[in-house]
C-alpha cells in the first residue's frame, strides 16, 4: 500500500471516529434544562421549577432491582462513576460519609465497568450504597431526559419528592455537596456513633 493510500485510510478512520462520537452525544444537550459547559459547575433549581420527578430503575451490581421511587422521603445523591475515573475516586469517601447521614442516600450509576471491577472499587472505598449497572446506557438516558449529563462524574441531588434540586458536573467539594443536600431538604447531621462494645468490667 502506498504512503498516499495509507494516509487516505487513516484520514477516513479519523473522520469515522469523529462522526461516531458526534452520534453518541445527546442531540439536545445544549437545550437541556440547566446545561453548562464547564467542569465543576453547579446548577440549582428552586422549588416549583425543578425537573422531574426522575423515573430511574435498574439492577444493581448484585442483581437486585432498584427503583428511585423507593427512596421517596429522603434526599438522594445520584452519581455517575467508573472505577478508573480520578475525580470519582477522589469524591468516593465524601459520598460514603454523606450516605451515612440521616435522611440522605446515595445511588451510584456505574457507566462502564464489569461487575468485578466495580465491586473492587466498592471494597477499596468501603462503599455500602448501591450502584446501578449502567453499561447499557438506560440509566443515563433516564437522567438525560431531564437534565444534561455530559461528564463523569455528574451528581444529581434529588429532593424528597423525586425532583432534581441540583446538579454538579465533575469533581465536587464535600462542603459544596453538603450545602446542596441541605438546600434540597436533607439533614447534614452526622449519623449517631455506635455505642462502644461492653467490656468485662461493664457487665453487672
Protein backbone atom coordinates (compact mmCIF):
# COMPACT_ATOMS: atom_id res chain seq x y z
CA UNK A 1 0.00 0.00 0.00
CA UNK A 2 1.40 3.38 -0.99
CA UNK A 3 2.04 6.15 1.53
CA UNK A 4 -0.75 8.20 -0.06
CA UNK A 5 -3.20 5.31 0.29
CA UNK A 6 -2.23 4.77 3.93
CA UNK A 7 -2.77 8.45 4.72
CA UNK A 8 -6.13 8.39 2.98
CA UNK A 9 -7.17 5.35 5.01
CA UNK A 10 -6.01 6.97 8.27
CA UNK A 11 -7.94 10.12 7.43
CA UNK A 12 -11.07 8.08 6.73
CA UNK A 13 -10.75 6.30 10.09
CA UNK A 14 -10.37 9.60 11.95
CA UNK A 15 -13.45 11.01 10.24
CA UNK A 16 -15.43 7.87 11.08
CA UNK A 17 -14.47 8.10 14.76
CA UNK A 18 -15.43 11.78 14.92
CA UNK A 19 -18.79 11.05 13.34
CA UNK A 20 -19.38 8.14 15.74
CA UNK A 21 -18.63 10.31 18.76
CA UNK A 22 -20.96 13.01 17.47
CA UNK A 23 -23.70 10.44 17.01
CA UNK A 24 -23.26 9.22 20.60
CA UNK A 25 -23.55 12.71 22.07
CA UNK A 26 -27.07 13.62 23.24
CA UNK A 27 -28.56 15.68 20.40
CA UNK A 28 -30.39 18.07 22.71
CA UNK A 29 -27.65 18.55 25.32
CA UNK A 30 -27.29 22.26 24.71
CA UNK A 31 -31.01 22.83 25.18
CA UNK A 32 -31.48 20.52 28.16
CA UNK A 33 -32.50 22.23 31.41
CA UNK A 34 -29.51 23.62 33.29
CA UNK A 35 -26.95 22.81 30.58
CA UNK A 36 -23.47 24.12 31.41
CA UNK A 37 -20.18 23.83 29.59
CA UNK A 38 -17.56 23.72 32.34
CA UNK A 39 -16.39 21.01 34.73
CA UNK A 40 -17.06 21.70 38.37
CA UNK A 41 -20.16 23.74 37.55
CA UNK A 42 -23.17 23.58 39.84
CA UNK A 43 -26.77 24.34 38.87
CA UNK A 44 -29.65 24.61 41.34
CA UNK A 45 -33.38 24.76 40.71
CA UNK A 46 -35.92 26.40 43.00
CA UNK A 47 -38.94 24.50 44.29
CA UNK A 48 -41.62 24.70 41.63
CA UNK A 49 -39.16 24.79 38.75
CA UNK A 50 -37.29 21.57 39.45
CA UNK A 51 -37.15 18.98 36.63
CA UNK A 52 -38.88 15.74 37.38
CA UNK A 53 -39.84 13.65 39.05
CA UNK A 54 -36.96 11.47 37.94
CA UNK A 55 -38.02 7.94 36.99
CA UNK A 56 -34.96 5.73 37.43
CA UNK A 57 -34.97 1.95 37.70
CA UNK A 58 -32.45 -0.77 37.04
CA UNK A 59 -30.43 -3.60 38.52
CA UNK A 60 -27.57 -3.13 40.95
CA UNK A 61 -24.20 -4.88 40.87
CA UNK A 62 -25.64 -7.79 42.88
CA UNK A 63 -28.57 -8.25 40.52
CA UNK A 64 -31.13 -6.63 42.82
CA UNK A 65 -33.88 -4.45 41.35
CA UNK A 66 -33.59 -0.76 42.28
CA UNK A 67 -36.28 1.90 41.90
CA UNK A 68 -35.55 5.51 42.81
CA UNK A 69 -39.21 5.88 43.82
CA UNK A 70 -38.41 3.67 46.79
CA UNK A 71 -36.23 6.46 48.19
CA UNK A 72 -39.07 8.98 48.47
CA UNK A 73 -38.85 10.95 51.71
CA UNK A 74 -35.05 11.13 51.52
CA UNK A 75 -32.67 13.37 49.64
CA UNK A 76 -30.80 11.18 47.15
CA UNK A 77 -27.45 11.86 45.51
CA UNK A 78 -27.50 10.09 42.15
CA UNK A 79 -23.92 9.99 40.90
CA UNK A 80 -22.28 8.58 37.79
CA UNK A 81 -18.91 6.88 38.11
CA UNK A 82 -16.45 4.29 36.88
CA UNK A 83 -13.55 2.72 38.71
CA UNK A 84 -10.57 4.35 36.95
CA UNK A 85 -12.09 7.85 36.94
CA UNK A 86 -9.77 10.04 39.09
CA UNK A 87 -12.44 12.50 40.34
CA UNK A 88 -14.76 9.56 41.09
CA UNK A 89 -12.09 8.07 43.30
CA UNK A 90 -11.38 11.43 44.94
CA UNK A 91 -15.01 12.04 45.93
CA UNK A 92 -15.89 8.45 46.92
CA UNK A 93 -15.03 8.97 50.64
CA UNK A 94 -17.24 12.08 50.72
CA UNK A 95 -20.16 10.14 49.25
CA UNK A 96 -19.68 7.31 51.72
CA UNK A 97 -19.81 9.83 54.56
CA UNK A 98 -22.92 11.53 53.19
CA UNK A 99 -24.68 8.20 52.72
CA UNK A 100 -24.32 7.64 56.48
CA UNK A 101 -26.35 10.76 57.28
CA UNK A 102 -29.95 10.57 58.43
CA UNK A 103 -32.37 11.33 55.60
CA UNK A 104 -29.73 11.10 52.88
CA UNK A 105 -28.97 8.24 50.47
CA UNK A 106 -26.54 7.80 47.62
CA UNK A 107 -27.31 5.86 44.45
CA UNK A 108 -24.49 5.30 42.01
CA UNK A 109 -24.63 4.60 38.30
CA UNK A 110 -21.59 2.71 37.06
CA UNK A 111 -21.21 3.67 33.43
CA UNK A 112 -18.71 1.18 32.00
CA UNK A 113 -17.08 -1.35 34.36
CA UNK A 114 -17.64 -5.07 34.57
CA UNK A 115 -19.06 -6.25 37.88
CA UNK A 116 -15.73 -7.45 39.31
CA UNK A 117 -14.02 -4.12 38.60
CA UNK A 118 -16.90 -2.12 40.06
CA UNK A 119 -17.01 -4.26 43.21
CA UNK A 120 -13.25 -3.90 43.67
CA UNK A 121 -13.78 -0.12 43.70
CA UNK A 122 -16.52 -0.52 46.31
CA UNK A 123 -14.25 -2.61 48.53
CA UNK A 124 -11.39 -0.12 48.19
CA UNK A 125 -13.53 2.80 49.36
CA UNK A 126 -15.86 0.87 51.73
CA UNK A 127 -18.87 1.77 49.60
CA UNK A 128 -22.13 0.43 51.04
CA UNK A 129 -24.63 2.30 48.89
CA UNK A 130 -25.98 0.55 45.77
CA UNK A 131 -24.97 1.30 42.20
CA UNK A 132 -26.97 0.58 39.09
CA UNK A 133 -25.24 -1.28 36.29
CA UNK A 134 -25.44 1.47 33.69
CA UNK A 135 -23.29 -0.05 30.96
CA UNK A 136 -26.24 -0.33 28.57
CA UNK A 137 -26.93 3.41 28.78
CA UNK A 138 -30.51 3.05 30.02
CA UNK A 139 -29.92 4.78 33.36
CA UNK A 140 -28.03 7.67 31.77
CA UNK A 141 -30.82 8.07 29.22
CA UNK A 142 -33.31 8.43 32.08
CA UNK A 143 -31.21 11.24 33.58
CA UNK A 144 -30.65 12.82 30.18
CA UNK A 145 -34.38 13.06 29.72
CA UNK A 146 -34.48 15.71 32.45
CA UNK A 147 -31.08 17.41 32.58
CA UNK A 148 -27.88 17.32 30.54
CA UNK A 149 -25.39 14.68 31.67
CA UNK A 150 -22.19 15.39 29.77
CA UNK A 151 -19.40 14.25 32.10
CA UNK A 152 -18.43 11.61 34.65
CA UNK A 153 -18.85 12.17 37.48
CA UNK A 154 -22.12 14.05 37.36
CA UNK A 155 -24.23 14.19 40.53
CA UNK A 156 -27.93 14.95 40.67
CA UNK A 157 -29.36 15.98 44.04
CA UNK A 158 -32.89 14.59 44.18
CA UNK A 159 -35.29 16.13 46.68
CA UNK A 160 -37.66 14.18 48.90
CA UNK A 161 -40.37 14.23 46.25
CA UNK A 162 -38.13 12.89 43.49
CA UNK A 163 -37.37 16.16 41.70
CA UNK A 164 -33.90 17.36 40.64
CA UNK A 165 -32.87 20.10 43.07
CA UNK A 166 -29.30 20.49 41.82
CA UNK A 167 -26.68 19.11 39.51
CA UNK A 168 -22.90 19.19 39.73
CA UNK A 169 -20.60 18.37 36.82
CA UNK A 170 -17.16 16.95 37.56
CA UNK A 171 -15.40 16.80 40.92
CA UNK A 172 -17.37 18.50 43.68
CA UNK A 173 -16.02 19.52 47.05
CA UNK A 174 -17.57 17.88 50.10
CA UNK A 175 -18.67 21.21 51.59
CA UNK A 176 -20.46 22.18 48.37
CA UNK A 177 -22.17 18.81 48.13
CA UNK A 178 -23.34 19.08 51.73
CA UNK A 179 -24.75 22.53 51.05
CA UNK A 180 -26.68 21.22 48.05
CA UNK A 181 -28.07 18.35 50.09
CA UNK A 182 -29.09 20.74 52.84
CA UNK A 183 -30.78 23.08 50.34
CA UNK A 184 -32.71 20.13 48.91
CA UNK A 185 -34.12 19.34 52.33
CA UNK A 186 -31.65 16.79 53.65
CA UNK A 187 -30.02 16.55 57.05
CA UNK A 188 -26.30 17.20 57.31
CA UNK A 189 -26.17 15.93 60.87
CA UNK A 190 -23.84 13.01 61.17
CA UNK A 191 -25.38 9.67 61.97
CA UNK A 192 -25.09 8.81 65.67
CA UNK A 193 -21.95 6.91 66.54
CA UNK A 194 -22.37 3.30 67.59
CA UNK A 195 -22.04 2.64 71.30
CA UNK A 196 -18.68 1.14 72.27
CA UNK A 197 -18.75 -2.60 72.96
CA UNK A 198 -19.18 -3.63 76.56
CA UNK A 199 -16.10 -4.78 78.44
CA UNK A 200 -15.87 -7.31 81.20
CA UNK A 201 -15.94 -4.53 83.77
CA UNK A 202 -19.20 -3.18 82.34
CA UNK A 203 -21.12 -6.40 82.79
CA UNK A 204 -23.13 -6.40 86.07
